[in-house]
Amino acid sequence: MEQAFAELVLWEVSEPLSGSEHCYKYRLAFVVAGECVLRYDNEAGKGDHRHVSGKEMKYRFVSVDRLVADFFEDVKRWRDENSND
């Protein structure tokens, strides 16, 4: 596989962002060959969502642990679907 990396950034905030019900702001991204192919975030006003294959979908935030687990499950799925083996 080409050069790939995951970047996970999470802040605890004093009050929920517009569109979210929890006190976290986050951005989790999986980047392959310089292109972000998978991202979870909760941009203010949009709430919790994820971007997969160019599509934006709602995401139900349960906990930080679940967020990270869901993200890495999607990374594994993307890698399995896009492997050149």
PDB file of N, CA and C in Angstrom:
ATOM      1  N   MET A   1       0.851  -1.186   0.000  1.00  0.00           N
ATOM      2  CA  MET A   1       0.000   0.000   0.000  1.00  0.00           C
ATOM      3  C   MET A   1       0.888   1.238   0.000  1.00  0.00           C
ATOM      4  N   GLU A   2       0.402   2.272  -0.651  1.00  0.00           N
ATOM      5  CA  GLU A   2       1.132   3.534  -0.691  1.00  0.00           C
ATOM      6  C   GLU A   2       1.226   4.114   0.715  1.00  0.00           C
ATOM      7  N   GLN A   3       2.014   5.159   0.854  1.00  0.00           N
ATOM      8  CA  GLN A   3       2.187   5.791   2.153  1.00  0.00           C
ATOM      9  C   GLN A   3       0.830   6.186   2.729  1.00  0.00           C
ATOM     10  N   ALA A   4       0.571   5.763   3.963  1.00  0.00           N
ATOM     11  CA  ALA A   4      -0.707   6.053   4.615  1.00  0.00           C
ATOM     12  C   ALA A   4      -0.462   6.340   6.089  1.00  0.00           C
ATOM     13  N   PHE A   5      -1.308   7.194   6.662  1.00  0.00           N
ATOM     14  CA  PHE A   5      -1.223   7.452   8.095  1.00  0.00           C
ATOM     15  C   PHE A   5      -2.587   7.882   8.616  1.00  0.00           C
ATOM     16  N   ALA A   6      -2.755   7.703   9.920  1.00  0.00           N
ATOM     17  CA  ALA A   6      -3.967   8.162  10.604  1.00  0.00           C
ATOM     18  C   ALA A   6      -3.577   9.295  11.530  1.00  0.00           C
ATOM     19  N   GLU A   7      -4.415  10.317  11.586  1.00  0.00           N
ATOM     20  CA  GLU A   7      -4.213  11.440  12.504  1.00  0.00           C
ATOM     21  C   GLU A   7      -5.460  11.567  13.355  1.00  0.00           C
ATOM     22  N   LEU A   8      -5.287  11.528  14.667  1.00  0.00           N
ATOM     23  CA  LEU A   8      -6.413  11.632  15.593  1.00  0.00           C
ATOM     24  C   LEU A   8      -6.188  12.836  16.491  1.00  0.00           C
ATOM     25  N   VAL A   9      -7.140  13.768  16.480  1.00  0.00           N
ATOM     26  CA  VAL A   9      -7.059  14.979  17.300  1.00  0.00           C
ATOM     27  C   VAL A   9      -8.375  15.091  18.053  1.00  0.00           C
ATOM     28  N   LEU A  10      -8.279  15.263  19.383  1.00  0.00           N
ATOM     29  CA  LEU A  10      -9.478  15.344  20.212  1.00  0.00           C
ATOM     30  C   LEU A  10      -9.247  16.373  21.299  1.00  0.00           C
ATOM     31  N   TRP A  11     -10.187  17.282  21.453  1.00  0.00           N
ATOM     32  CA  TRP A  11     -10.137  18.275  22.520  1.00  0.00           C
ATOM     33  C   TRP A  11     -11.345  18.080  23.415  1.00  0.00           C
ATOM     34  N   GLU A  12     -11.164  18.283  24.712  1.00  0.00           N
ATOM     35  CA  GLU A  12     -12.305  18.372  25.609  1.00  0.00           C
ATOM     36  C   GLU A  12     -12.652  19.847  25.692  1.00  0.00           C
ATOM     37  N   VAL A  13     -13.909  20.181  25.454  1.00  0.00           N
ATOM     38  CA  VAL A  13     -14.346  21.581  25.454  1.00  0.00           C
ATOM     39  C   VAL A  13     -15.314  21.810  26.609  1.00  0.00           C
ATOM     40  N   SER A  14     -15.469  23.062  27.002  1.00  0.00           N
ATOM     41  CA  SER A  14     -16.278  23.384  28.181  1.00  0.00           C
ATOM     42  C   SER A  14     -17.772  23.176  27.963  1.00  0.00           C
ATOM     43  N   GLU A  15     -18.219  23.274  26.713  1.00  0.00           N
ATOM     44  CA  GLU A  15     -19.633  23.020  26.407  1.00  0.00           C
ATOM     45  C   GLU A  15     -19.728  22.445  24.998  1.00  0.00           C
ATOM     46  N   PRO A  16     -20.788  21.690  24.729  1.00  0.00           N
ATOM     47  CA  PRO A  16     -20.913  21.052  23.406  1.00  0.00           C
ATOM     48  C   PRO A  16     -20.914  22.064  22.268  1.00  0.00           C
ATOM     49  N   LEU A  17     -20.315  21.663  21.158  1.00  0.00           N
ATOM     50  CA  LEU A  17     -20.385  22.461  19.936  1.00  0.00           C
ATOM     51  C   LEU A  17     -21.810  22.428  19.408  1.00  0.00           C
ATOM     52  N   SER A  18     -22.188  23.422  18.660  1.00  0.00           N
ATOM     53  CA  SER A  18     -23.491  23.436  18.014  1.00  0.00           C
ATOM     54  C   SER A  18     -23.649  22.177  17.168  1.00  0.00           C
ATOM     55  N   GLY A  19     -24.715  21.409  17.423  1.00  0.00           N
ATOM     56  CA  GLY A  19     -24.958  20.188  16.674  1.00  0.00           C
ATOM     57  C   GLY A  19     -24.489  18.934  17.384  1.00  0.00           C
ATOM     58  N   SER A  20     -23.746  19.068  18.474  1.00  0.00           N
ATOM     59  CA  SER A  20     -23.273  17.916  19.249  1.00  0.00           C
ATOM     60  C   SER A  20     -23.852  17.970  20.660  1.00  0.00           C
ATOM     61  N   GLU A  21     -23.914  16.814  21.319  1.00  0.00           N
ATOM     62  CA  GLU A  21     -24.455  16.751  22.678  1.00  0.00           C
ATOM     63  C   GLU A  21     -23.399  16.379  23.710  1.00  0.00           C
ATOM     64  N   HIS A  22     -22.134  16.353  23.326  1.00  0.00           N
ATOM     65  CA  HIS A  22     -21.048  15.969  24.222  1.00  0.00           C
ATOM     66  C   HIS A  22     -20.010  17.086  24.246  1.00  0.00           C
ATOM     67  N   CYS A  23     -19.086  17.005  25.178  1.00  0.00           N
ATOM     68  CA  CYS A  23     -18.092  18.073  25.354  1.00  0.00           C
ATOM     69  C   CYS A  23     -16.749  17.726  24.712  1.00  0.00           C
ATOM     70  N   TYR A  24     -16.800  17.268  23.472  1.00  0.00           N
ATOM     71  CA  TYR A  24     -15.582  16.970  22.726  1.00  0.00           C
ATOM     72  C   TYR A  24     -15.644  17.593  21.341  1.00  0.00           C
ATOM     73  N   LYS A  25     -14.509  18.025  20.877  1.00  0.00           N
ATOM     74  CA  LYS A  25     -14.333  18.425  19.478  1.00  0.00           C
ATOM     75  C   LYS A  25     -13.266  17.486  18.949  1.00  0.00           C
ATOM     76  N   TYR A  26     -13.507  16.905  17.781  1.00  0.00           N
ATOM     77  CA  TYR A  26     -12.556  15.912  17.277  1.00  0.00           C
ATOM     78  C   TYR A  26     -12.423  15.951  15.766  1.00  0.00           C
ATOM     79  N   ARG A  27     -11.297  15.393  15.331  1.00  0.00           N
ATOM     80  CA  ARG A  27     -11.015  15.220  13.904  1.00  0.00           C
ATOM     81  C   ARG A  27     -10.142  13.982  13.795  1.00  0.00           C
ATOM     82  N   LEU A  28     -10.645  12.945  13.162  1.00  0.00           N
ATOM     83  CA  LEU A  28      -9.895  11.719  12.938  1.00  0.00           C
ATOM     84  C   LEU A  28      -9.825  11.520  11.437  1.00  0.00           C
ATOM     85  N   ALA A  29      -8.633  11.391  10.916  1.00  0.00           N
ATOM     86  CA  ALA A  29      -8.468  11.310   9.459  1.00  0.00           C
ATOM     87  C   ALA A  29      -7.530  10.174   9.085  1.00  0.00           C
ATOM     88  N   PHE A  30      -7.846   9.516   7.988  1.00  0.00           N
ATOM     89  CA  PHE A  30      -6.974   8.505   7.403  1.00  0.00           C
ATOM     90  C   PHE A  30      -6.575   9.032   6.033  1.00  0.00           C
ATOM     91  N   VAL A  31      -5.262   9.197   5.842  1.00  0.00           N
ATOM     92  CA  VAL A  31      -4.727   9.829   4.635  1.00  0.00           C
ATOM     93  C   VAL A  31      -3.870   8.823   3.888  1.00  0.00           C
ATOM     94  N   VAL A  32      -4.128   8.688   2.585  1.00  0.00           N
ATOM     95  CA  VAL A  32      -3.371   7.770   1.736  1.00  0.00           C
ATOM     96  C   VAL A  32      -2.823   8.573   0.552  1.00  0.00           C
ATOM     97  N   ALA A  33      -1.512   8.494   0.361  1.00  0.00           N
ATOM     98  CA  ALA A  33      -0.846   9.184  -0.753  1.00  0.00           C
ATOM     99  C   ALA A  33      -1.252  10.661  -0.815  1.00  0.00           C
ATOM    100  N   GLY A  34      -1.334  11.292   0.358  1.00  0.00           N
ATOM    101  CA  GLY A  34      -1.644  12.712   0.416  1.00  0.00           C
ATOM    102  C   GLY A  34      -3.113  13.066   0.315  1.00  0.00           C
ATOM    103  N   GLU A  35      -3.995  12.080   0.199  1.00  0.00           N
ATOM    104  CA  GLU A  35      -5.438  12.334   0.069  1.00  0.00           C
ATOM    105  C   GLU A  35      -6.172  11.780   1.282  1.00  0.00           C
ATOM    106  N   CYS A  36      -7.030  12.602   1.897  1.00  0.00           N
ATOM    107  CA  CYS A  36      -7.845  12.148   3.017  1.00  0.00           C
ATOM    108  C   CYS A  36      -8.971  11.273   2.456  1.00  0.00           C
ATOM    109  N   VAL A  37      -8.937   9.982   2.774  1.00  0.00           N
ATOM    110  CA  VAL A  37      -9.924   9.049   2.225  1.00  0.00           C
ATOM    111  C   VAL A  37     -11.019   8.704   3.230  1.00  0.00           C
ATOM    112  N   LEU A  38     -10.802   9.056   4.505  1.00  0.00           N
ATOM    113  CA  LEU A  38     -11.770   8.765   5.559  1.00  0.00           C
ATOM    114  C   LEU A  38     -11.600   9.802   6.657  1.00  0.00           C
ATOM    115  N   ARG A  39     -12.699  10.407   7.111  1.00  0.00           N
ATOM    116  CA  ARG A  39     -12.599  11.406   8.177  1.00  0.00           C
ATOM    117  C   ARG A  39     -13.845  11.368   9.046  1.00  0.00           C
ATOM    118  N   TYR A  40     -13.630  11.442  10.333  1.00  0.00           N
ATOM    119  CA  TYR A  40     -14.704  11.614  11.312  1.00  0.00           C
ATOM    120  C   TYR A  40     -14.472  12.980  11.940  1.00  0.00           C
ATOM    121  N   ASP A  41     -15.526  13.786  12.071  1.00  0.00           N
ATOM    122  CA  ASP A  41     -15.374  15.079  12.751  1.00  0.00           C
ATOM    123  C   ASP A  41     -16.723  15.592  13.212  1.00  0.00           C
ATOM    124  N   ASN A  42     -16.680  16.658  13.980  1.00  0.00           N
ATOM    125  CA  ASN A  42     -17.915  17.294  14.455  1.00  0.00           C
ATOM    126  C   ASN A  42     -17.793  18.801  14.332  1.00  0.00           C
ATOM    127  N   GLU A  43     -17.663  19.224  13.112  1.00  0.00           N
ATOM    128  CA  GLU A  43     -17.600  20.647  12.789  1.00  0.00           C
ATOM    129  C   GLU A  43     -18.809  21.358  13.400  1.00  0.00           C
ATOM    130  N   ALA A  44     -18.571  22.525  13.997  1.00  0.00           N
ATOM    131  CA  ALA A  44     -19.653  23.295  14.625  1.00  0.00           C
ATOM    132  C   ALA A  44     -20.788  23.514  13.630  1.00  0.00           C
ATOM    133  N   GLY A  45     -22.001  23.246  14.071  1.00  0.00           N
ATOM    134  CA  GLY A  45     -23.177  23.425  13.227  1.00  0.00           C
ATOM    135  C   GLY A  45     -23.559  22.176  12.465  1.00  0.00           C
ATOM    136  N   LYS A  46     -22.612  21.292  12.170  1.00  0.00           N
ATOM    137  CA  LYS A  46     -22.906  20.053  11.433  1.00  0.00           C
ATOM    138  C   LYS A  46     -23.112  18.877  12.363  1.00  0.00           C
ATOM    139  N   GLY A  47     -22.563  18.944  13.554  1.00  0.00           N
ATOM    140  CA  GLY A  47     -22.656  17.829  14.483  1.00  0.00           C
ATOM    141  C   GLY A  47     -21.732  16.694  14.080  1.00  0.00           C
ATOM    142  N   ASP A  48     -21.940  15.559  14.703  1.00  0.00           N
ATOM    143  CA  ASP A  48     -21.090  14.390  14.486  1.00  0.00           C
ATOM    144  C   ASP A  48     -21.376  13.767  13.124  1.00  0.00           C
ATOM    145  N   HIS A  49     -20.318  13.565  12.352  1.00  0.00           N
ATOM    146  CA  HIS A  49     -20.481  12.954  11.039  1.00  0.00           C
ATOM    147  C   HIS A  49     -19.160  12.352  10.576  1.00  0.00           C
ATOM    148  N   ARG A  50     -19.234  11.612   9.480  1.00  0.00           N
ATOM    149  CA  ARG A  50     -18.038  11.017   8.906  1.00  0.00           C
ATOM    150  C   ARG A  50     -18.092  11.146   7.396  1.00  0.00           C
ATOM    151  N   HIS A  51     -16.914  11.146   6.800  1.00  0.00           N
ATOM    152  CA  HIS A  51     -16.781  11.235   5.353  1.00  0.00           C
ATOM    153  C   HIS A  51     -16.131   9.934   4.887  1.00  0.00           C
ATOM    154  N   VAL A  52     -16.828   9.206   4.023  1.00  0.00           N
ATOM    155  CA  VAL A  52     -16.316   7.942   3.496  1.00  0.00           C
ATOM    156  C   VAL A  52     -16.567   7.922   1.996  1.00  0.00           C
ATOM    157  N   SER A  53     -15.524   7.693   1.228  1.00  0.00           N
ATOM    158  CA  SER A  53     -15.644   7.617  -0.237  1.00  0.00           C
ATOM    159  C   SER A  53     -16.377   8.825  -0.814  1.00  0.00           C
ATOM    160  N   GLY A  54     -16.056   9.998  -0.304  1.00  0.00           N
ATOM    161  CA  GLY A  54     -16.639  11.225  -0.832  1.00  0.00           C
ATOM    162  C   GLY A  54     -18.053  11.510  -0.374  1.00  0.00           C
ATOM    163  N   LYS A  55     -18.603  10.674   0.519  1.00  0.00           N
ATOM    164  CA  LYS A  55     -19.966  10.894   1.013  1.00  0.00           C
ATOM    165  C   LYS A  55     -19.935  11.266   2.487  1.00  0.00           C
ATOM    166  N   GLU A  56     -20.767  12.220   2.867  1.00  0.00           N
ATOM    167  CA  GLU A  56     -20.884  12.626   4.267  1.00  0.00           C
ATOM    168  C   GLU A  56     -22.091  11.940   4.881  1.00  0.00           C
ATOM    169  N   MET A  57     -21.883  11.318   6.040  1.00  0.00           N
ATOM    170  CA  MET A  57     -22.959  10.592   6.716  1.00  0.00           C
ATOM    171  C   MET A  57     -22.971  10.972   8.192  1.00  0.00           C
ATOM    172  N   LYS A  58     -24.139  10.998   8.788  1.00  0.00           N
ATOM    173  CA  LYS A  58     -24.255  11.247  10.226  1.00  0.00           C
ATOM    174  C   LYS A  58     -23.522  10.149  10.975  1.00  0.00           C
ATOM    175  N   TYR A  59     -23.009  10.497  12.148  1.00  0.00           N
ATOM    176  CA  TYR A  59     -22.359   9.531  13.028  1.00  0.00           C
ATOM    177  C   TYR A  59     -22.946   9.701  14.424  1.00  0.00           C
ATOM    178  N   ARG A  60     -23.275   8.602  15.081  1.00  0.00           N
ATOM    179  CA  ARG A  60     -23.829   8.660  16.442  1.00  0.00           C
ATOM    180  C   ARG A  60     -22.690   8.500  17.451  1.00  0.00           C
ATOM    181  N   PHE A  61     -22.309   9.602  18.086  1.00  0.00           N
ATOM    182  CA  PHE A  61     -21.242   9.596  19.085  1.00  0.00           C
ATOM    183  C   PHE A  61     -21.770   8.960  20.361  1.00  0.00           C
ATOM    184  N   VAL A  62     -21.044   7.946  20.863  1.00  0.00           N
ATOM    185  CA  VAL A  62     -21.407   7.268  22.111  1.00  0.00           C
ATOM    186  C   VAL A  62     -20.359   7.556  23.183  1.00  0.00           C
ATOM    187  N   SER A  63     -19.087   7.411  22.809  1.00  0.00           N
ATOM    188  CA  SER A  63     -17.981   7.655  23.734  1.00  0.00           C
ATOM    189  C   SER A  63     -16.708   7.838  22.907  1.00  0.00           C
ATOM    190  N   VAL A  64     -15.662   8.333  23.553  1.00  0.00           N
ATOM    191  CA  VAL A  64     -14.378   8.486  22.865  1.00  0.00           C
ATOM    192  C   VAL A  64     -13.853   7.120  22.449  1.00  0.00           C
ATOM    193  N   ASP A  65     -13.932   6.134  23.338  1.00  0.00           N
ATOM    194  CA  ASP A  65     -13.451   4.788  23.004  1.00  0.00           C
ATOM    195  C   ASP A  65     -14.179   4.212  21.795  1.00  0.00           C
ATOM    196  N   ARG A  66     -15.500   4.386  21.738  1.00  0.00           N
ATOM    197  CA  ARG A  66     -16.287   3.871  20.608  1.00  0.00           C
ATOM    198  C   ARG A  66     -15.936   4.618  19.326  1.00  0.00           C
ATOM    199  N   LEU A  67     -15.738   5.930  19.430  1.00  0.00           N
ATOM    200  CA  LEU A  67     -15.350   6.747  18.271  1.00  0.00           C
ATOM    201  C   LEU A  67     -14.062   6.212  17.651  1.00  0.00           C
ATOM    202  N   VAL A  68     -13.044   5.998  18.477  1.00  0.00           N
ATOM    203  CA  VAL A  68     -11.756   5.509  17.982  1.00  0.00           C
ATOM    204  C   VAL A  68     -11.914   4.099  17.402  1.00  0.00           C
ATOM    205  N   ALA A  69     -12.661   3.243  18.080  1.00  0.00           N
ATOM    206  CA  ALA A  69     -12.873   1.880  17.573  1.00  0.00           C
ATOM    207  C   ALA A  69     -13.599   1.894  16.231  1.00  0.00           C
ATOM    208  N   ASP A  70     -14.652   2.711  16.114  1.00  0.00           N
ATOM    209  CA  ASP A  70     -15.394   2.798  14.850  1.00  0.00           C
ATOM    210  C   ASP A  70     -14.491   3.310  13.728  1.00  0.00           C
ATOM    211  N   PHE A  71     -13.686   4.320  14.039  1.00  0.00           N
ATOM    212  CA  PHE A  71     -12.781   4.884  13.046  1.00  0.00           C
ATOM    213  C   PHE A  71     -11.820   3.812  12.528  1.00  0.00           C
ATOM    214  N   PHE A  72     -11.179   3.091  13.440  1.00  0.00           N
ATOM    215  CA  PHE A  72     -10.212   2.085  12.988  1.00  0.00           C
ATOM    216  C   PHE A  72     -10.882   0.891  12.301  1.00  0.00           C
ATOM    217  N   GLU A  73     -12.141   0.592  12.633  1.00  0.00           N
ATOM    218  CA  GLU A  73     -12.884  -0.426  11.881  1.00  0.00           C
ATOM    219  C   GLU A  73     -13.079   0.040  10.441  1.00  0.00           C
ATOM    220  N   ASP A  74     -13.407   1.327  10.265  1.00  0.00           N
ATOM    221  CA  ASP A  74     -13.564   1.872   8.909  1.00  0.00           C
ATOM    222  C   ASP A  74     -12.231   1.918   8.163  1.00  0.00           C
ATOM    223  N   VAL A  75     -11.140   2.225   8.870  1.00  0.00           N
ATOM    224  CA  VAL A  75      -9.818   2.204   8.235  1.00  0.00           C
ATOM    225  C   VAL A  75      -9.520   0.798   7.732  1.00  0.00           C
ATOM    226  N   LYS A  76      -9.750  -0.210   8.570  1.00  0.00           N
ATOM    227  CA  LYS A  76      -9.500  -1.593   8.161  1.00  0.00           C
ATOM    228  C   LYS A  76     -10.358  -1.960   6.953  1.00  0.00           C
ATOM    229  N   ARG A  77     -11.640  -1.596   6.993  1.00  0.00           N
ATOM    230  CA  ARG A  77     -12.542  -1.886   5.881  1.00  0.00           C
ATOM    231  C   ARG A  77     -12.050  -1.217   4.602  1.00  0.00           C
ATOM    232  N   TRP A  78     -11.648   0.055   4.691  1.00  0.00           N
ATOM    233  CA  TRP A  78     -11.151   0.775   3.516  1.00  0.00           C
ATOM    234  C   TRP A  78      -9.912   0.083   2.965  1.00  0.00           C
ATOM    235  N   ARG A  79      -8.993  -0.286   3.840  1.00  0.00           N
ATOM    236  CA  ARG A  79      -7.758  -0.944   3.394  1.00  0.00           C
ATOM    237  C   ARG A  79      -8.062  -2.287   2.741  1.00  0.00           C
ATOM    238  N   ASP A  80      -8.980  -3.056   3.340  1.00  0.00           N
ATOM    239  CA  ASP A  80      -9.359  -4.360   2.762  1.00  0.00           C
ATOM    240  C   ASP A  80      -9.975  -4.186   1.375  1.00  0.00           C
ATOM    241  N   GLU A  81     -10.831  -3.164   1.225  1.00  0.00           N
ATOM    242  CA  GLU A  81     -11.517  -2.930  -0.058  1.00  0.00           C
ATOM    243  C   GLU A  81     -10.594  -2.342  -1.112  1.00  0.00           C
ATOM    244  N   ASN A  82      -9.503  -1.718  -0.680  1.00  0.00           N
ATOM    245  CA  ASN A  82      -8.621  -1.032  -1.619  1.00  0.00           C
ATOM    246  C   ASN A  82      -7.231  -1.641  -1.718  1.00  0.00           C
ATOM    247  N   SER A  83      -7.081  -2.856  -1.207  1.00  0.00           N
ATOM    248  CA  SER A  83      -5.771  -3.504  -1.292  1.00  0.00           C
ATOM    249  C   SER A  83      -5.534  -3.996  -2.716  1.00  0.00           C
ATOM    250  N   ASN A  84      -4.297  -4.038  -3.100  1.00  0.00           N
ATOM    251  CA  ASN A  84      -3.938  -4.466  -4.462  1.00  0.00           C
ATOM    252  C   ASN A  84      -3.516  -5.920  -4.508  1.00  0.00           C
ATOM    253  N   ASP A  85      -3.869  -6.663  -3.474  1.00  0.00           N
ATOM    254  CA  ASP A  85      -3.488  -8.091  -3.436  1.00  0.00           C
ATOM    255  C   ASP A  85      -4.387  -8.934  -4.298  1.00  0.00           C
TER     256      ASP A  85
END
